[in-house]
Amino acid sequence: MAETEIGLGKSGRRAYRLDEIAIIPSRRTRDPSDVDISWQIDAYRFDIPVLAASTDSVTSPATAVQMGELGGVGVLDLEGVWTRCEDPTSELAELGAMPVDTAAGRLRELYSRPIQPELVAARISEIAETGVRTAGRVRPQRAVELAPHAIGAEIDLLVISGTIVSAEHVSSSVDPLNLKTFIRRMQTPVIVGGCVSYQAALHLMRTGAAGVLVGAGSGHVGTSRQVLGLDAPQATAIADARAARMRHLDETGVYCHVIADGTMRTAGDIAKAIVCGADAVMLGLPLASASDSPCPGRHWDLSAGHLTLPRGRITDVEPHGTLAEILHGPALGPGGTTNMMGGLRTSLAKCGYTDVKDFQRAAVAIVSP
């Protein structure tokens, strides 16, 4: 892709957000009932290609169970309030009731409490007892410490994530996590991220990860762009990760899943993310908008509770319906924020594709946002 000169000696690519592209239908249409929107990663098949984001405003043990029953998978933050408090329901209710500015300080206080390793296993077991698939998230800094507790509870998917995660972290003060060694010792499939470039995605794929998260913490409540200057328009980031996946597949014969994480508000955004190359999506704000979310009316980013440099905000959200209505309908309005899977299924049908993988071949056009 041609670069544009920013100034003498500095140039950059033109990159695109999801709201700057549109899907172009082909010559064929299809009955929506003939469309398959399921997703399979490793040995696990899910009826819908959706992961609930691993922030406490989206995923609790109860909502993880509900996500599983609705066909997706909820990713519990194994460093969140559910592993720091025996029963954080009153704390979450308090966060939902207090003013946003006050809630930010309260959230940081909650996240300063020590993690109780025994609660990591207990939460995973609590979810697993219902028969749904389990998934949990840790940061690279805590993976060696916390992952064994999750593995001991027979977690199905382990997510290692941060604002930006690389396969070549360098530190002069601590021994960094060797992702390649760590992942290849695991019997559990590992998803790792975020990343926003071709090279970063390719290097993460080469660690043996089953999937990579594409996104840089710059979604609707992330402030990485303001705090760190980091951002990458999601449509281009996903397409670059797709190219990395193709090269990795050519080199190894191993298919690594691309999971779009962030900036998706509507069913149309999900469809466009998949057309750009995503196999599945991780949703935060759309699911935090559920009336039965862990903290109804509030949403925050994973890094909002950082003690010294928060890179996310707490925000008010307007409830759009129950979690079931947001995912499967019936739609409560014309904005694409409810019955999102119905919207995705219909998008595939209107373009004539039979499944999510096939849908990645659909044409797109650049449009004005």
Protein backbone atom coordinates (compact mmCIF):
# COMPACT_ATOMS: atom_id res chain seq x y z
CA MET A 1 0.00 0.00 0.00
CA ALA A 2 1.37 3.40 -0.99
CA GLU A 3 2.46 5.71 1.81
CA THR A 4 1.66 9.39 2.17
CA GLU A 5 4.38 11.82 3.18
CA ILE A 6 3.67 13.41 6.54
CA GLY A 7 6.79 15.56 6.43
CA LEU A 8 10.40 15.29 5.31
CA GLY A 9 11.65 11.86 6.29
CA LYS A 10 8.34 10.65 7.72
CA SER A 11 5.51 8.97 5.85
CA GLY A 12 2.63 6.69 6.74
CA ARG A 13 -0.09 4.47 5.30
CA ARG A 14 -3.68 5.55 4.95
CA ALA A 15 -5.62 3.21 7.22
CA TYR A 16 -9.38 2.69 7.53
CA ARG A 17 -11.88 2.38 10.34
CA LEU A 18 -14.83 0.00 10.12
CA ASP A 19 -17.20 2.93 9.58
CA GLU A 20 -15.17 3.93 6.50
CA ILE A 21 -15.94 0.75 4.58
CA ALA A 22 -19.11 -0.98 3.36
CA ILE A 23 -19.79 -4.52 2.18
CA ILE A 24 -20.74 -4.90 -1.48
CA PRO A 25 -23.34 -7.63 -2.19
CA SER A 26 -22.59 -10.11 -4.98
CA ARG A 27 -24.82 -11.52 -7.72
CA ARG A 28 -26.27 -14.21 -5.43
CA THR A 29 -28.52 -14.01 -2.38
CA ARG A 30 -29.41 -16.81 0.02
CA ASP A 31 -32.08 -17.82 2.51
CA PRO A 32 -30.89 -16.76 6.00
CA SER A 33 -31.96 -20.14 7.38
CA ASP A 34 -29.30 -21.75 5.16
CA VAL A 35 -26.51 -19.65 6.68
CA ASP A 36 -24.13 -21.07 9.31
CA ILE A 37 -22.54 -18.48 11.63
CA SER A 38 -20.86 -20.98 13.96
CA TRP A 39 -17.18 -20.75 14.88
CA GLN A 40 -14.72 -23.46 15.83
CA ILE A 41 -11.36 -22.88 17.49
CA ASP A 42 -9.25 -25.92 18.28
CA ALA A 43 -11.67 -28.62 19.49
CA TYR A 44 -14.36 -26.18 20.59
CA ARG A 45 -17.33 -25.24 18.47
CA PHE A 46 -19.55 -22.27 19.25
CA ASP A 47 -22.90 -21.46 17.69
CA ILE A 48 -21.96 -17.79 17.28
CA PRO A 49 -18.55 -16.17 16.63
CA VAL A 50 -18.67 -13.96 19.72
CA LEU A 51 -16.53 -13.70 22.84
CA ALA A 52 -17.71 -11.48 25.68
CA ALA A 53 -14.92 -9.07 26.61
CA SER A 54 -12.91 -9.85 29.71
CA THR A 55 -13.85 -6.75 31.66
CA ASP A 56 -15.89 -6.87 34.84
CA SER A 57 -18.60 -4.64 33.36
CA VAL A 58 -19.28 -7.32 30.72
CA THR A 59 -18.37 -10.74 32.10
CA SER A 60 -19.09 -12.25 35.49
CA PRO A 61 -19.40 -15.98 36.21
CA ALA A 62 -23.17 -15.66 35.71
CA THR A 63 -22.91 -13.82 32.38
CA ALA A 64 -20.21 -16.23 31.22
CA VAL A 65 -22.70 -19.04 31.77
CA GLN A 66 -25.38 -17.06 29.96
CA MET A 67 -23.03 -16.37 27.04
CA GLY A 68 -22.32 -20.09 26.77
CA GLU A 69 -26.02 -20.90 26.77
CA LEU A 70 -26.55 -18.30 24.03
CA GLY A 71 -23.90 -19.92 21.83
CA GLY A 72 -20.81 -17.82 22.52
CA VAL A 73 -18.15 -17.75 25.21
CA GLY A 74 -17.60 -15.33 28.07
CA VAL A 75 -14.01 -14.49 28.99
CA LEU A 76 -13.67 -13.84 32.71
CA ASP A 77 -10.95 -11.45 33.88
CA LEU A 78 -8.88 -13.60 36.22
CA GLU A 79 -7.33 -10.42 37.61
CA GLY A 80 -10.66 -8.65 38.11
CA VAL A 81 -13.01 -8.19 41.03
CA TRP A 82 -14.25 -11.79 40.87
CA THR A 83 -10.81 -13.08 41.93
CA ARG A 84 -10.18 -10.27 44.42
CA CYS A 85 -13.51 -10.42 46.31
CA GLU A 86 -15.47 -13.39 47.62
CA ASP A 87 -18.72 -11.79 46.42
CA PRO A 88 -18.27 -8.48 44.56
CA THR A 89 -21.95 -8.00 43.67
CA SER A 90 -22.37 -5.23 46.24
CA GLU A 91 -19.20 -3.49 45.02
CA LEU A 92 -20.42 -3.64 41.41
CA ALA A 93 -23.80 -2.26 42.45
CA GLU A 94 -22.00 0.55 44.26
CA LEU A 95 -19.94 1.33 41.14
CA GLY A 96 -23.13 1.52 39.11
CA ALA A 97 -24.80 3.92 41.52
CA MET A 98 -22.06 6.46 42.20
CA PRO A 99 -21.02 9.36 39.90
CA VAL A 100 -18.57 8.43 37.14
CA ASP A 101 -15.69 10.50 38.56
CA THR A 102 -16.07 8.90 41.98
CA ALA A 103 -16.48 5.44 40.45
CA ALA A 104 -13.08 5.68 38.74
CA GLY A 105 -11.31 6.05 42.07
CA ARG A 106 -13.40 3.32 43.64
CA LEU A 107 -12.54 0.97 40.76
CA ARG A 108 -8.83 1.55 41.26
CA GLU A 109 -9.27 0.82 44.96
CA LEU A 110 -10.98 -2.48 44.17
CA TYR A 111 -8.23 -3.45 41.73
CA SER A 112 -5.57 -2.68 44.33
CA ARG A 113 -6.82 -5.57 46.46
CA PRO A 114 -4.74 -8.75 46.23
CA ILE A 115 -5.77 -11.54 43.87
CA GLN A 116 -6.78 -14.69 45.71
CA PRO A 117 -5.41 -17.59 43.60
CA GLU A 118 -7.93 -20.03 45.03
CA LEU A 119 -10.73 -17.86 43.61
CA VAL A 120 -9.26 -18.24 40.10
CA ALA A 121 -9.92 -21.98 40.18
CA ALA A 122 -13.22 -21.53 42.01
CA ARG A 123 -14.65 -19.15 39.40
CA ILE A 124 -13.65 -21.40 36.50
CA SER A 125 -15.16 -24.41 38.25
CA GLU A 126 -18.34 -22.46 38.98
CA ILE A 127 -18.80 -21.76 35.27
CA ALA A 128 -17.77 -25.26 34.16
CA GLU A 129 -20.30 -26.92 36.45
CA THR A 130 -23.09 -25.59 34.22
CA GLY A 131 -21.72 -27.41 31.18
CA VAL A 132 -20.62 -24.40 29.13
CA ARG A 133 -17.10 -23.74 27.83
CA THR A 134 -14.83 -21.73 30.10
CA ALA A 135 -12.39 -18.96 29.22
CA GLY A 136 -10.30 -16.63 31.36
CA ARG A 137 -7.92 -13.78 30.80
CA VAL A 138 -4.59 -12.91 32.42
CA ARG A 139 -1.93 -10.33 31.61
CA PRO A 140 1.48 -11.58 30.44
CA GLN A 141 2.95 -10.30 33.73
CA ARG A 142 0.74 -12.64 35.79
CA ALA A 143 0.43 -15.58 33.38
CA VAL A 144 3.05 -17.81 35.01
CA GLU A 145 1.54 -17.19 38.45
CA LEU A 146 -2.18 -17.50 37.66
CA ALA A 147 -2.44 -19.81 34.65
CA PRO A 148 -1.70 -23.00 36.66
CA HIS A 149 -4.74 -22.32 38.85
CA ALA A 150 -6.94 -21.92 35.77
CA ILE A 151 -5.45 -25.00 34.13
CA GLY A 152 -5.98 -26.95 37.34
CA ALA A 153 -9.67 -26.09 37.08
CA GLU A 154 -9.63 -27.44 33.48
CA ILE A 155 -10.23 -24.12 31.74
CA ASP A 156 -11.05 -24.56 28.05
CA LEU A 157 -9.51 -21.37 26.60
CA LEU A 158 -6.82 -19.17 28.13
CA VAL A 159 -6.52 -15.57 26.96
CA ILE A 160 -3.26 -13.68 27.53
CA SER A 161 -3.93 -10.05 26.75
CA GLY A 162 -2.93 -6.45 27.34
CA THR A 163 -3.22 -3.15 25.51
CA ILE A 164 -0.38 -4.29 23.25
CA VAL A 165 1.32 -7.68 23.58
CA SER A 166 4.38 -8.70 21.60
CA ALA A 167 6.29 -11.91 21.14
CA GLU A 168 9.55 -10.05 21.83
CA HIS A 169 9.10 -8.15 25.09
CA VAL A 170 12.44 -6.83 26.40
CA SER A 171 13.17 -5.88 30.01
CA SER A 172 16.37 -5.14 31.92
CA SER A 173 14.68 -5.46 35.32
CA VAL A 174 12.57 -8.62 35.14
CA ASP A 175 12.56 -11.84 33.18
CA PRO A 176 9.86 -11.35 30.52
CA LEU A 177 7.40 -14.07 29.67
CA ASN A 178 8.61 -16.18 26.77
CA LEU A 179 5.27 -16.57 25.01
CA LYS A 180 6.49 -19.24 22.61
CA THR A 181 7.83 -21.48 25.38
CA PHE A 182 4.88 -20.83 27.66
CA ILE A 183 2.19 -21.48 25.05
CA ARG A 184 3.80 -24.63 23.70
CA ARG A 185 3.90 -26.14 27.17
CA MET A 186 0.17 -25.60 27.57
CA GLN A 187 -2.38 -28.30 26.90
CA THR A 188 -5.08 -25.61 26.69
CA PRO A 189 -5.54 -23.47 23.55
CA VAL A 190 -4.24 -19.94 24.10
CA ILE A 191 -5.48 -16.70 22.55
CA VAL A 192 -3.04 -13.78 22.76
CA GLY A 193 -3.14 -10.07 21.96
CA GLY A 194 -3.70 -7.28 21.27
CA CYS A 195 -1.83 -6.43 18.15
CA VAL A 196 -2.51 -4.05 15.26
CA SER A 197 0.16 -4.74 12.64
CA TYR A 198 1.12 -7.46 10.19
CA GLN A 199 4.49 -8.18 11.80
CA ALA A 200 3.15 -8.20 15.35
CA ALA A 201 0.31 -10.54 14.41
CA LEU A 202 2.65 -12.87 12.52
CA HIS A 203 5.09 -13.08 15.44
CA LEU A 204 2.27 -13.83 17.88
CA MET A 205 0.98 -16.55 15.56
CA ARG A 206 4.44 -18.10 15.51
CA THR A 207 4.30 -18.56 19.28
CA GLY A 208 1.77 -21.34 18.74
CA ALA A 209 -1.27 -19.32 19.78
CA ALA A 210 -4.63 -20.67 18.66
CA GLY A 211 -5.85 -17.13 18.04
CA VAL A 212 -4.72 -13.51 18.14
CA LEU A 213 -6.70 -10.51 19.34
CA VAL A 214 -6.59 -7.54 16.98
CA GLY A 215 -7.02 -4.19 18.70
CA ALA A 216 -5.00 -1.70 20.74
CA GLY A 217 -7.27 -0.71 23.60
CA SER A 218 -8.66 2.17 21.57
CA GLY A 219 -12.31 1.14 21.57
CA HIS A 220 -15.23 3.12 22.89
CA VAL A 221 -13.93 3.37 26.46
CA GLY A 222 -10.21 2.88 25.78
CA THR A 223 -7.95 5.93 25.84
CA SER A 224 -4.69 4.52 24.49
CA ARG A 225 -4.73 7.11 21.73
CA GLN A 226 -4.99 9.97 24.22
CA VAL A 227 -2.63 8.56 26.85
CA LEU A 228 -0.04 6.76 24.72
CA GLY A 229 -0.64 8.02 21.19
CA LEU A 230 -1.34 4.43 20.10
CA ASP A 231 -4.14 3.53 17.73
CA ALA A 232 -4.77 1.70 14.49
CA PRO A 233 -8.00 1.87 12.49
CA GLN A 234 -9.64 -1.50 12.95
CA ALA A 235 -10.52 -2.39 9.35
CA THR A 236 -6.90 -2.08 8.26
CA ALA A 237 -5.57 -3.79 11.40
CA ILE A 238 -7.83 -6.81 10.81
CA ALA A 239 -6.91 -7.01 7.13
CA ASP A 240 -3.20 -6.92 8.02
CA ALA A 241 -3.70 -9.71 10.57
CA ARG A 242 -5.54 -11.68 7.90
CA ALA A 243 -2.49 -11.38 5.63
CA ALA A 244 -0.29 -12.57 8.50
CA ARG A 245 -2.61 -15.54 8.99
CA MET A 246 -2.26 -16.49 5.32
CA ARG A 247 1.53 -16.35 5.51
CA HIS A 248 1.57 -18.34 8.76
CA LEU A 249 -0.70 -20.95 7.18
CA ASP A 250 1.60 -21.20 4.16
CA GLU A 251 4.67 -21.57 6.38
CA THR A 252 3.32 -24.03 8.94
CA GLY A 253 0.02 -25.46 7.73
CA VAL A 254 -1.51 -24.18 10.99
CA TYR A 255 -4.57 -21.90 10.90
CA CYS A 256 -4.45 -19.22 13.59
CA HIS A 257 -7.73 -17.44 14.28
CA VAL A 258 -8.05 -13.67 14.01
CA ILE A 259 -10.36 -12.19 16.66
CA ALA A 260 -11.38 -8.55 16.24
CA ASP A 261 -11.42 -6.77 19.60
CA GLY A 262 -12.90 -3.30 19.94
CA THR A 263 -14.70 -0.45 18.11
CA MET A 264 -17.71 -2.57 17.12
CA ARG A 265 -21.09 -1.18 18.15
CA THR A 266 -23.56 -2.78 15.74
CA ALA A 267 -24.30 -5.95 13.79
CA GLY A 268 -23.03 -4.19 10.68
CA ASP A 269 -19.68 -3.54 12.37
CA ILE A 270 -19.40 -7.24 13.21
CA ALA A 271 -20.16 -8.17 9.60
CA LYS A 272 -17.53 -5.73 8.29
CA ALA A 273 -14.93 -7.02 10.75
CA ILE A 274 -15.50 -10.56 9.48
CA VAL A 275 -15.30 -9.49 5.84
CA CYS A 276 -11.97 -7.81 6.62
CA GLY A 277 -10.68 -11.16 7.88
CA ALA A 278 -11.86 -11.81 11.43
CA ASP A 279 -12.94 -15.32 12.37
CA ALA A 280 -14.71 -14.07 15.49
CA VAL A 281 -15.23 -10.88 17.47
CA MET A 282 -14.80 -9.87 21.09
CA LEU A 283 -17.56 -7.50 22.18
CA GLY A 284 -17.42 -5.08 25.08
CA LEU A 285 -19.72 -2.06 24.90
CA PRO A 286 -22.57 -3.82 23.02
CA LEU A 287 -22.81 -6.47 25.75
CA ALA A 288 -22.28 -4.00 28.58
CA SER A 289 -25.44 -2.36 27.24
CA ALA A 290 -27.46 -5.39 28.38
CA SER A 291 -29.93 -4.72 31.17
CA ASP A 292 -28.70 -7.91 32.85
CA SER A 293 -24.98 -7.09 32.60
CA PRO A 294 -22.84 -7.35 35.77
CA CYS A 295 -23.01 -3.57 36.31
CA PRO A 296 -26.08 -2.31 34.41
CA GLY A 297 -25.68 1.17 32.98
CA ARG A 298 -21.89 1.27 33.34
CA HIS A 299 -18.95 0.13 31.26
CA TRP A 300 -15.19 0.42 31.60
CA ASP A 301 -12.05 -0.73 29.86
CA LEU A 302 -9.71 -3.37 31.29
CA SER A 303 -7.03 -0.76 31.98
CA ALA A 304 -9.42 1.73 33.62
CA GLY A 305 -8.39 0.36 37.00
CA HIS A 306 -4.64 0.77 36.46
CA LEU A 307 -3.23 2.27 39.65
CA THR A 308 -0.76 4.72 38.08
CA LEU A 309 -1.68 5.17 34.40
CA PRO A 310 -5.32 4.35 33.54
CA ARG A 311 -5.85 3.95 29.80
CA GLY A 312 -9.60 3.60 29.85
CA ARG A 313 -12.59 5.41 31.25
CA ILE A 314 -15.75 4.50 33.09
CA THR A 315 -18.79 5.61 31.15
CA ASP A 316 -22.55 5.51 31.38
CA VAL A 317 -24.27 3.23 28.86
CA GLU A 318 -27.90 3.11 27.88
CA PRO A 319 -29.42 -0.37 28.24
CA HIS A 320 -30.58 -1.72 24.87
CA GLY A 321 -32.22 -4.94 26.04
CA THR A 322 -31.31 -8.19 27.72
CA LEU A 323 -28.19 -10.09 26.70
CA ALA A 324 -30.39 -12.57 24.84
CA GLU A 325 -32.14 -9.74 22.96
CA ILE A 326 -28.85 -8.06 22.08
CA LEU A 327 -27.46 -11.27 20.60
CA HIS A 328 -30.52 -13.07 19.25
CA GLY A 329 -33.40 -10.62 19.30
CA PRO A 330 -36.05 -9.82 18.60
CA ALA A 331 -34.61 -6.45 17.63
CA LEU A 332 -35.95 -3.58 19.71
CA GLY A 333 -35.07 -0.90 17.15
CA PRO A 334 -33.51 -0.30 13.73
CA GLY A 335 -29.99 0.60 14.90
CA GLY A 336 -28.33 -2.83 14.77
CA THR A 337 -27.66 -2.93 18.53
CA THR A 338 -30.11 -5.78 19.21
CA ASN A 339 -30.49 -9.14 17.42
CA MET A 340 -26.88 -8.74 16.31
CA MET A 341 -26.57 -12.36 15.24
CA GLY A 342 -29.73 -12.02 13.18
CA GLY A 343 -28.11 -9.02 11.50
CA LEU A 344 -24.92 -10.97 10.85
CA ARG A 345 -26.83 -13.94 9.47
CA THR A 346 -28.88 -11.69 7.18
CA SER A 347 -25.74 -9.89 5.98
CA LEU A 348 -24.24 -13.23 4.91
CA ALA A 349 -27.51 -14.16 3.22
CA LYS A 350 -27.82 -10.86 1.33
CA CYS A 351 -24.30 -11.37 0.00
CA GLY A 352 -24.87 -15.02 -0.89
CA TYR A 353 -22.39 -16.65 1.50
CA THR A 354 -22.96 -19.82 3.49
CA ASP A 355 -20.65 -19.41 6.48
CA VAL A 356 -18.39 -16.97 8.26
CA LYS A 357 -15.20 -18.26 6.64
CA ASP A 358 -16.73 -17.94 3.18
CA PHE A 359 -17.95 -14.42 4.03
CA GLN A 360 -14.35 -13.23 4.32
CA ARG A 361 -14.24 -13.25 0.51
CA ALA A 362 -16.94 -10.58 0.18
CA ALA A 363 -16.07 -7.33 -1.57
CA VAL A 364 -15.84 -4.00 0.24
CA ALA A 365 -15.78 -0.37 -0.81
CA ILE A 366 -14.37 2.70 0.90
CA VAL A 367 -17.10 5.16 1.86
CA SER A 368 -17.37 8.40 3.80
CA PRO A 369 -17.91 7.78 7.52
